Amino acid sequence: MHSTMKEQTTKQGTMMATIIIGTLFFLFGFITWLNATLIPYLKIACELNDFQSLLVAFAFYIAYFFTALPMSRILRRFGMKKGMMVGLVIMAIGAAIFIPAAITRTYELFLMGLFIIGTGLTLLQTAANPYVTIIGPIESAAKRISIMGICNKFAGVLAPLIMGAVILQDADAITGQVHLLNEPERVAMLDELARRVILPYALMGFTLLLLAAGIRFSALPEIEAEPELVKGTVGQALQYPQLRLGVIALFLYVGAEVIAADTIGLFGQAQHIPLSQAKNFASFTLAAMVLGYFAGIALIPKFISQAKALAISAVLGCLLTVLAIELNGYQAVLCIALLGLANALVWPAIWPLALDGLGKLIPVASALLIMAIAGGALLPLLYGLAADMPSVGRQNAYWLLIPCYGFIFYYAIAGHRKRKKTSPV
């Protein structure tokens, strides 16, 4: 009887821990893909061109590059559980900055808030990942990883739908009227639009603080971060071609993924589709990613290898990009949305291929791969620069994706096979 009660207690503890970590993974996806709605919203409210509006993605994703290593030192000092709490508090501070940014309609303050949110998210993700494997039996770890992935992707589908309904309501009417008003009326209308973001981000900050308190008093075990016993350096890790090329492939992939999700709303407007519809298009891209995620669970490695899945994804990405450029209207937008399907398997395929054979250098190599998320900061800016050129425009700017998928294809069929002559022990 005591054994049965102990089993029930253990199961309840595992379930509660799974709910907590699942909530965090949902949060990762929700906050990350809010950018897809913020870009067209701030473009109107702060009167921006495409390049300027895509600084939203830059401010958010560049945080991964600059803060990944400092955040790892925080984790080594405080442990994973406290690290998650600190990450949530940092994100709450970033959300709070949106309030004065909205009141003053200051774009630079919005970008500062996004960078701080990205910083907290970097810490939170790094700290939360180990819990997925330890909150239950190791034999069911793969199942838990799948559940967390679904939570993350499902949140990405919901984020643009929910936030778009709140902050982009009547956006078409505002866009049509704002240029016809005199200066005081125009400023008043844009100020009112900017203030729509205050309540959602105030609620977000409050929720983040509640989650931090919940983790503080939860039964989650503390995981002490491993000390830096690895003597390997970045230079040593980059001597391995499979990693070096993998970092480039991941950089290009994240850039392509962010371009597909964060620019589809702007592209829809360029195709003369009302913003009332275009504001939801990012959710279609994320829904396609969910389908791709399930396909990966079903097919890899039982039917196709990771490398083959990566090659197929790259070819599909190139095909859909060309179709998006050549077609028009809803058909072209659908092709950009379906890039989510092409992108879904790239991240999970590149990681094991890039880390294969790295041995003791895996921690250093993993940090380099995380820093490659900066592709989501830089490549959308290149897209924005091209889109703002009258001779190019938003549709032809998607040609930028072809070399990205081309390199990913090369990595899938040949790049990941390249090896340094001697492997680490």
Protein backbone atom coordinates (compact mmCIF):
# COMPACT_ATOMS: atom_id res chain seq x y z
CA MET A 1 0.00 0.00 0.00
CA HIS A 2 2.82 2.38 0.92
CA SER A 3 4.45 1.49 -2.40
CA THR A 4 1.25 2.31 -4.30
CA MET A 5 0.89 5.66 -2.52
CA LYS A 6 4.52 6.47 -3.28
CA GLU A 7 3.96 5.64 -6.96
CA GLN A 8 0.89 7.88 -7.09
CA THR A 9 2.81 10.73 -5.44
CA THR A 10 5.66 10.28 -7.93
CA LYS A 11 3.23 10.30 -10.87
CA GLN A 12 1.52 13.43 -9.54
CA GLY A 13 4.90 15.13 -9.12
CA THR A 14 5.92 14.16 -12.65
CA MET A 15 2.61 15.41 -14.05
CA MET A 16 2.92 18.75 -12.23
CA ALA A 17 6.52 19.19 -13.38
CA THR A 18 5.50 18.34 -16.96
CA ILE A 19 2.72 20.95 -16.80
CA ILE A 20 5.15 23.61 -15.53
CA ILE A 21 7.79 22.92 -18.18
CA GLY A 22 5.11 22.55 -20.87
CA THR A 23 3.77 25.99 -19.89
CA LEU A 24 7.25 27.43 -20.28
CA PHE A 25 7.68 25.88 -23.74
CA PHE A 26 4.26 27.27 -24.71
CA LEU A 27 5.52 30.64 -23.50
CA PHE A 28 8.69 30.37 -25.63
CA GLY A 29 6.63 29.88 -28.78
CA PHE A 30 3.99 32.48 -27.95
CA ILE A 31 6.43 35.30 -27.21
CA THR A 32 8.78 34.46 -30.08
CA TRP A 33 6.07 34.59 -32.74
CA LEU A 34 4.39 37.72 -31.41
CA ASN A 35 7.00 39.48 -33.55
CA ALA A 36 5.03 38.52 -36.66
CA THR A 37 2.19 40.76 -35.42
CA LEU A 38 4.39 43.48 -33.93
CA ILE A 39 6.12 44.12 -37.27
CA PRO A 40 3.06 45.35 -39.24
CA TYR A 41 1.64 46.96 -36.07
CA LEU A 42 4.73 49.06 -35.33
CA LYS A 43 5.17 49.79 -39.03
CA ILE A 44 1.88 51.69 -38.88
CA ALA A 45 2.09 53.11 -35.34
CA CYS A 46 5.68 54.37 -35.65
CA GLU A 47 5.51 55.19 -39.39
CA LEU A 48 8.30 52.87 -40.54
CA ASN A 49 9.53 51.41 -43.81
CA ASP A 50 10.08 47.64 -44.22
CA PHE A 51 13.73 47.73 -43.14
CA GLN A 52 12.94 49.72 -40.00
CA SER A 53 10.00 47.50 -39.07
CA LEU A 54 12.16 44.37 -39.37
CA LEU A 55 14.45 45.75 -36.67
CA VAL A 56 11.85 44.08 -34.42
CA ALA A 57 13.27 40.69 -35.43
CA PHE A 58 16.82 42.05 -35.22
CA ALA A 59 16.45 43.34 -31.65
CA PHE A 60 14.87 40.07 -30.51
CA TYR A 61 17.16 37.52 -32.14
CA ILE A 62 20.46 39.38 -31.77
CA ALA A 63 20.04 38.91 -28.01
CA TYR A 64 20.84 35.21 -28.49
CA PHE A 65 24.22 36.11 -29.99
CA PHE A 66 25.30 38.66 -27.40
CA THR A 67 23.84 37.11 -24.25
CA ALA A 68 24.18 33.32 -24.69
CA LEU A 69 27.60 33.13 -23.02
CA PRO A 70 26.88 35.65 -20.19
CA MET A 71 23.62 33.83 -19.42
CA SER A 72 25.46 30.50 -19.18
CA ARG A 73 27.64 32.02 -16.45
CA ILE A 74 24.50 33.03 -14.53
CA LEU A 75 23.28 29.43 -14.73
CA ARG A 76 26.59 28.08 -13.44
CA ARG A 77 26.33 30.43 -10.47
CA PHE A 78 22.66 30.04 -9.53
CA GLY A 79 21.61 26.68 -11.00
CA MET A 80 18.87 25.89 -13.49
CA LYS A 81 15.78 26.43 -11.32
CA LYS A 82 16.85 29.87 -10.11
CA GLY A 83 18.04 30.57 -13.65
CA MET A 84 14.50 30.05 -14.95
CA MET A 85 13.18 32.45 -12.33
CA VAL A 86 15.76 35.09 -13.28
CA GLY A 87 14.93 34.62 -16.97
CA LEU A 88 11.22 35.16 -16.33
CA VAL A 89 11.90 38.32 -14.30
CA ILE A 90 14.16 39.70 -17.06
CA MET A 91 11.41 39.05 -19.60
CA ALA A 92 8.87 40.79 -17.34
CA ILE A 93 11.14 43.86 -17.27
CA GLY A 94 11.28 43.81 -21.07
CA ALA A 95 7.48 43.59 -21.26
CA ALA A 96 7.16 46.50 -18.81
CA ILE A 97 9.30 48.69 -21.09
CA PHE A 98 6.55 48.40 -23.70
CA ILE A 99 4.35 50.61 -21.50
CA PRO A 100 6.46 53.82 -21.69
CA ALA A 101 7.32 52.91 -25.29
CA ALA A 102 3.62 52.87 -26.18
CA ILE A 103 2.78 56.02 -24.20
CA THR A 104 5.53 58.01 -25.94
CA ARG A 105 5.32 56.07 -29.25
CA THR A 106 9.11 55.69 -29.19
CA TYR A 107 10.33 52.92 -31.49
CA GLU A 108 13.76 52.72 -29.84
CA LEU A 109 12.11 51.86 -26.51
CA PHE A 110 10.10 49.09 -28.16
CA LEU A 111 13.36 47.67 -29.55
CA MET A 112 15.00 47.88 -26.12
CA GLY A 113 12.10 45.96 -24.60
CA LEU A 114 12.38 43.29 -27.29
CA PHE A 115 16.13 42.90 -26.71
CA ILE A 116 15.56 42.47 -22.97
CA ILE A 117 12.77 39.94 -23.60
CA GLY A 118 15.12 38.05 -25.94
CA THR A 119 17.82 38.10 -23.26
CA GLY A 120 15.50 36.61 -20.65
CA LEU A 121 14.25 34.05 -23.15
CA THR A 122 17.83 32.97 -23.89
CA LEU A 123 18.38 32.27 -20.20
CA LEU A 124 14.98 30.64 -19.74
CA GLN A 125 15.35 28.27 -22.68
CA THR A 126 18.85 27.22 -21.68
CA ALA A 127 17.69 26.50 -18.14
CA ALA A 128 14.41 24.75 -19.02
CA ASN A 129 15.76 22.28 -21.60
CA PRO A 130 17.48 19.91 -19.10
CA TYR A 131 14.25 19.48 -17.14
CA VAL A 132 12.54 17.80 -20.08
CA THR A 133 14.70 14.71 -19.61
CA ILE A 134 14.80 14.57 -15.80
CA ILE A 135 11.18 15.20 -14.78
CA GLY A 136 10.18 11.61 -15.53
CA PRO A 137 11.49 8.19 -16.52
CA ILE A 138 14.33 8.36 -19.04
CA GLU A 139 12.58 5.80 -21.27
CA SER A 140 9.74 8.28 -21.88
CA ALA A 141 12.00 11.31 -22.40
CA ALA A 142 11.48 11.29 -26.18
CA LYS A 143 7.72 11.45 -25.66
CA ARG A 144 8.11 14.44 -23.33
CA ILE A 145 10.35 16.20 -25.86
CA SER A 146 7.64 15.72 -28.49
CA ILE A 147 4.99 17.13 -26.13
CA MET A 148 7.14 20.19 -25.43
CA GLY A 149 7.67 20.73 -29.14
CA ILE A 150 3.94 20.60 -29.79
CA CYS A 151 3.31 23.11 -26.96
CA ASN A 152 5.89 25.44 -28.50
CA LYS A 153 4.57 25.22 -32.06
CA PHE A 154 0.90 25.41 -31.05
CA ALA A 155 1.62 28.63 -29.15
CA GLY A 156 3.22 30.01 -32.30
CA VAL A 157 -0.04 29.38 -34.18
CA LEU A 158 -2.12 31.16 -31.52
CA ALA A 159 0.12 34.19 -30.92
CA PRO A 160 -0.55 36.12 -34.16
CA LEU A 161 -4.27 35.30 -34.03
CA ILE A 162 -4.73 36.57 -30.48
CA MET A 163 -2.44 39.60 -30.61
CA GLY A 164 -3.58 40.54 -34.11
CA ALA A 165 -7.21 40.64 -32.96
CA VAL A 166 -6.25 43.02 -30.13
CA ILE A 167 -3.74 45.46 -31.61
CA LEU A 168 -4.53 45.37 -35.35
CA GLN A 169 -8.30 45.74 -35.11
CA ASP A 170 -9.52 48.20 -37.79
CA ALA A 171 -5.91 48.55 -39.00
CA ASP A 172 -7.07 48.81 -42.64
CA ALA A 173 -9.29 51.77 -41.80
CA ILE A 174 -6.49 53.46 -39.86
CA THR A 175 -4.02 52.95 -42.71
CA GLY A 176 -6.50 54.44 -45.16
CA GLN A 177 -7.38 57.46 -43.01
CA VAL A 178 -4.08 58.43 -41.43
CA HIS A 179 -2.67 60.13 -44.54
CA LEU A 180 -5.85 62.18 -45.03
CA LEU A 181 -5.82 63.75 -41.55
CA ASN A 182 -4.18 66.97 -40.45
CA GLU A 183 -1.12 66.71 -38.21
CA PRO A 184 -2.83 66.84 -34.76
CA GLU A 185 -5.49 64.32 -35.81
CA ARG A 186 -2.87 62.00 -37.37
CA VAL A 187 -0.74 62.08 -34.23
CA ALA A 188 -3.79 61.42 -32.02
CA MET A 189 -4.86 58.43 -34.14
CA LEU A 190 -1.36 56.88 -34.12
CA ASP A 191 -0.98 57.53 -30.37
CA GLU A 192 -4.24 55.67 -29.75
CA LEU A 193 -3.04 52.79 -31.91
CA ALA A 194 0.29 52.62 -30.06
CA ARG A 195 -1.46 52.45 -26.68
CA ARG A 196 -3.30 49.27 -27.66
CA VAL A 197 -0.21 47.27 -26.79
CA ILE A 198 -0.10 48.48 -23.16
CA LEU A 199 -2.69 46.11 -21.67
CA PRO A 200 -1.43 42.93 -23.41
CA TYR A 201 2.17 43.54 -22.37
CA ALA A 202 1.21 44.60 -18.85
CA LEU A 203 -0.69 41.31 -18.51
CA MET A 204 2.27 39.47 -20.01
CA GLY A 205 4.67 41.00 -17.49
CA PHE A 206 2.35 40.15 -14.60
CA THR A 207 1.97 36.56 -15.87
CA LEU A 208 5.75 36.18 -16.19
CA LEU A 209 6.21 37.30 -12.58
CA LEU A 210 3.51 34.86 -11.43
CA LEU A 211 5.30 32.04 -13.26
CA ALA A 212 8.58 33.03 -11.62
CA ALA A 213 6.90 32.84 -8.20
CA GLY A 214 5.27 29.54 -9.13
CA ILE A 215 8.64 28.02 -10.04
CA ARG A 216 10.13 29.37 -6.80
CA PHE A 217 7.60 27.41 -4.73
CA SER A 218 7.27 24.42 -7.05
CA ALA A 219 8.63 20.94 -6.41
CA LEU A 220 10.94 21.12 -9.41
CA PRO A 221 14.34 19.75 -8.38
CA GLU A 222 17.32 22.06 -8.61
CA ILE A 223 19.85 21.15 -11.29
CA GLU A 224 23.30 22.48 -10.70
CA ALA A 225 24.91 23.59 -13.94
CA GLU A 226 28.09 21.72 -14.74
CA PRO A 227 31.28 23.68 -14.12
CA GLU A 228 33.42 24.56 -17.10
CA LEU A 229 35.56 21.47 -17.06
CA VAL A 230 35.80 21.40 -20.84
CA LYS A 231 39.15 22.68 -21.96
CA GLY A 232 38.13 22.96 -25.60
CA THR A 233 38.00 26.39 -27.17
CA VAL A 234 35.89 27.91 -29.90
CA GLY A 235 38.90 27.75 -32.21
CA GLN A 236 39.33 24.03 -31.59
CA ALA A 237 35.64 23.34 -32.19
CA LEU A 238 35.65 25.26 -35.46
CA GLN A 239 38.42 23.02 -36.79
CA TYR A 240 35.72 20.40 -37.37
CA PRO A 241 34.11 21.02 -40.78
CA GLN A 242 30.79 19.36 -39.86
CA LEU A 243 30.37 21.94 -37.09
CA ARG A 244 31.73 24.92 -38.99
CA LEU A 245 29.41 24.28 -41.91
CA GLY A 246 26.58 23.36 -39.54
CA VAL A 247 26.78 26.76 -37.84
CA ILE A 248 26.49 28.45 -41.24
CA ALA A 249 23.56 26.20 -42.22
CA LEU A 250 21.76 26.92 -38.95
CA PHE A 251 22.40 30.67 -39.32
CA LEU A 252 20.84 30.61 -42.79
CA TYR A 253 17.96 28.38 -41.67
CA VAL A 254 16.91 30.61 -38.76
CA GLY A 255 17.07 33.61 -41.07
CA ALA A 256 14.87 31.85 -43.63
CA GLU A 257 12.40 30.73 -40.96
CA VAL A 258 12.05 34.22 -39.50
CA ILE A 259 11.69 35.78 -42.96
CA ALA A 260 8.90 33.34 -43.84
CA ALA A 261 6.92 33.91 -40.63
CA ASP A 262 7.61 37.58 -39.92
CA THR A 263 7.26 39.02 -43.43
CA ILE A 264 4.24 37.08 -44.69
CA GLY A 265 1.86 39.75 -43.37
CA LEU A 266 3.74 42.52 -45.19
CA PHE A 267 3.86 40.34 -48.32
CA GLY A 268 0.12 39.77 -48.13
CA GLN A 269 -0.43 43.54 -48.11
CA ALA A 270 1.87 43.86 -51.15
CA GLN A 271 -0.43 41.35 -52.86
CA HIS A 272 -3.36 43.73 -52.18
CA ILE A 273 -4.79 41.54 -49.42
CA PRO A 274 -6.39 43.54 -46.56
CA LEU A 275 -4.40 43.69 -43.32
CA SER A 276 -7.48 42.32 -41.54
CA GLN A 277 -6.66 39.03 -43.29
CA ALA A 278 -2.89 39.38 -43.68
CA LYS A 279 -2.37 39.80 -39.93
CA ASN A 280 -3.27 36.11 -39.47
CA PHE A 281 -1.01 34.69 -42.19
CA ALA A 282 1.90 34.04 -39.81
CA SER A 283 -0.34 31.53 -38.02
CA PHE A 284 -0.65 29.58 -41.28
CA THR A 285 3.16 29.38 -41.51
CA LEU A 286 3.35 28.09 -37.94
CA ALA A 287 0.51 25.63 -38.55
CA ALA A 288 2.47 24.25 -41.50
CA MET A 289 5.44 23.86 -39.14
CA VAL A 290 3.27 21.85 -36.76
CA LEU A 291 2.33 19.51 -39.63
CA GLY A 292 6.00 19.17 -40.52
CA TYR A 293 6.83 18.46 -36.91
CA PHE A 294 4.34 15.57 -36.79
CA ALA A 295 5.67 14.29 -40.12
CA GLY A 296 9.17 14.25 -38.68
CA ILE A 297 8.05 12.28 -35.63
CA ALA A 298 6.40 9.71 -37.91
CA LEU A 299 9.11 9.42 -40.58
CA ILE A 300 12.51 9.96 -38.90
CA PRO A 301 14.48 7.72 -38.58
CA LYS A 302 12.14 4.82 -39.37
CA PHE A 303 11.64 5.70 -43.04
CA ILE A 304 14.17 8.44 -43.87
CA SER A 305 17.44 9.58 -42.30
CA GLN A 306 18.00 13.02 -40.79
CA ALA A 307 20.30 13.98 -43.67
CA LYS A 308 17.73 12.93 -46.28
CA ALA A 309 14.97 14.83 -44.46
CA LEU A 310 17.22 17.90 -44.46
CA ALA A 311 17.86 17.59 -48.21
CA ILE A 312 14.13 17.18 -48.97
CA SER A 313 13.35 20.21 -46.80
CA ALA A 314 15.89 22.34 -48.69
CA VAL A 315 14.55 21.31 -52.10
CA LEU A 316 10.97 21.99 -50.97
CA GLY A 317 12.05 25.38 -49.63
CA CYS A 318 13.61 26.36 -52.97
CA LEU A 319 10.55 25.17 -54.92
CA LEU A 320 8.07 27.05 -52.73
CA THR A 321 10.19 30.21 -52.84
CA VAL A 322 10.28 30.23 -56.65
CA LEU A 323 6.52 29.63 -56.79
CA ALA A 324 5.90 32.47 -54.31
CA ILE A 325 7.87 34.81 -56.57
CA GLU A 326 6.24 33.68 -59.82
CA LEU A 327 2.63 33.44 -58.60
CA ASN A 328 0.40 36.24 -57.31
CA GLY A 329 -2.28 36.88 -54.71
CA TYR A 330 -3.37 34.19 -52.29
CA GLN A 331 -1.46 31.50 -54.19
CA ALA A 332 1.84 33.32 -53.64
CA VAL A 333 1.04 33.88 -49.96
CA LEU A 334 0.15 30.20 -49.56
CA CYS A 335 3.60 29.25 -50.87
CA ILE A 336 5.26 31.42 -48.20
CA ALA A 337 3.01 29.86 -45.55
CA LEU A 338 4.00 26.38 -46.72
CA LEU A 339 7.64 27.27 -46.12
CA GLY A 340 6.76 26.41 -42.52
CA LEU A 341 6.43 22.80 -43.70
CA ALA A 342 9.83 22.96 -45.40
CA ASN A 343 11.44 24.57 -42.34
CA ALA A 344 10.00 22.26 -39.69
CA LEU A 345 12.63 19.50 -39.91
CA VAL A 346 15.72 21.64 -40.49
CA TRP A 347 16.56 22.59 -36.89
CA PRO A 348 16.29 19.05 -35.44
CA ALA A 349 18.24 17.63 -38.41
CA ILE A 350 21.20 20.06 -38.34
CA TRP A 351 22.00 19.69 -34.63
CA PRO A 352 22.90 15.99 -34.53
CA LEU A 353 24.73 16.21 -37.86
CA ALA A 354 26.79 19.19 -36.68
CA LEU A 355 27.65 17.66 -33.28
CA ASP A 356 28.49 14.18 -34.56
CA GLY A 357 32.05 13.26 -33.59
CA LEU A 358 32.71 16.36 -31.47
CA GLY A 359 33.15 14.42 -28.21
CA LYS A 360 34.32 16.64 -25.36
CA LEU A 361 33.84 19.74 -27.50
CA ILE A 362 30.04 19.34 -27.66
CA PRO A 363 29.30 22.04 -25.01
CA VAL A 364 31.41 24.59 -26.90
CA ALA A 365 29.90 23.49 -30.22
CA SER A 366 26.36 23.78 -28.81
CA ALA A 367 27.05 27.36 -27.74
CA LEU A 368 28.18 28.19 -31.28
CA LEU A 369 25.01 26.67 -32.72
CA ILE A 370 22.88 28.73 -30.31
CA MET A 371 24.72 31.88 -31.40
CA ALA A 372 23.79 31.02 -35.00
CA ILE A 373 20.23 32.04 -34.08
CA ALA A 374 21.54 35.52 -34.95
CA GLY A 375 20.57 34.62 -38.51
CA GLY A 376 17.04 35.54 -37.45
CA ALA A 377 18.34 39.02 -36.67
CA LEU A 378 20.42 39.76 -39.76
CA LEU A 379 18.79 38.07 -42.76
CA PRO A 380 15.35 39.69 -42.27
CA LEU A 381 17.12 43.07 -42.38
CA LEU A 382 18.63 42.14 -45.76
CA TYR A 383 15.13 41.20 -46.90
CA GLY A 384 13.85 44.58 -45.65
CA LEU A 385 16.60 46.47 -47.49
CA ALA A 386 15.74 44.67 -50.73
CA ALA A 387 11.98 45.05 -50.22
CA ASP A 388 12.34 48.82 -49.80
CA MET A 389 14.10 49.12 -53.19
CA PRO A 390 11.59 50.14 -55.89
CA SER A 391 13.40 47.90 -58.39
CA VAL A 392 13.02 44.84 -56.13
CA GLY A 393 9.97 44.99 -53.84
CA ARG A 394 8.67 42.53 -51.26
CA GLN A 395 8.04 39.68 -53.70
CA ASN A 396 11.40 39.62 -55.47
CA ALA A 397 13.17 40.10 -52.13
CA TYR A 398 12.36 36.43 -51.44
CA TRP A 399 15.13 35.46 -53.88
CA LEU A 400 17.31 35.89 -50.78
CA LEU A 401 15.97 32.54 -49.55
CA ILE A 402 17.34 30.55 -52.52
CA PRO A 403 21.04 30.66 -51.48
CA CYS A 404 19.95 29.88 -47.90
CA TYR A 405 18.17 26.69 -48.92
CA GLY A 406 20.93 25.95 -51.43
CA PHE A 407 23.57 25.88 -48.71
CA ILE A 408 21.33 23.77 -46.46
CA PHE A 409 20.99 21.28 -49.34
CA TYR A 410 24.78 21.19 -49.75
CA TYR A 411 25.18 20.56 -46.03
CA ALA A 412 22.62 17.74 -46.16
CA ILE A 413 24.23 15.85 -49.04
CA ALA A 414 27.94 16.58 -48.49
CA GLY A 415 28.84 19.21 -45.89
CA HIS A 416 27.96 17.17 -42.81
CA ARG A 417 30.16 14.29 -44.01
CA LYS A 418 33.36 16.35 -43.94
CA ARG A 419 35.60 15.44 -41.02
CA LYS A 420 38.76 16.58 -39.28
CA LYS A 421 41.42 13.89 -39.44
CA THR A 422 41.61 13.36 -35.68
CA SER A 423 38.56 13.29 -33.43
CA PRO A 424 38.45 14.44 -29.79
CA VAL A 425 38.45 11.77 -27.13
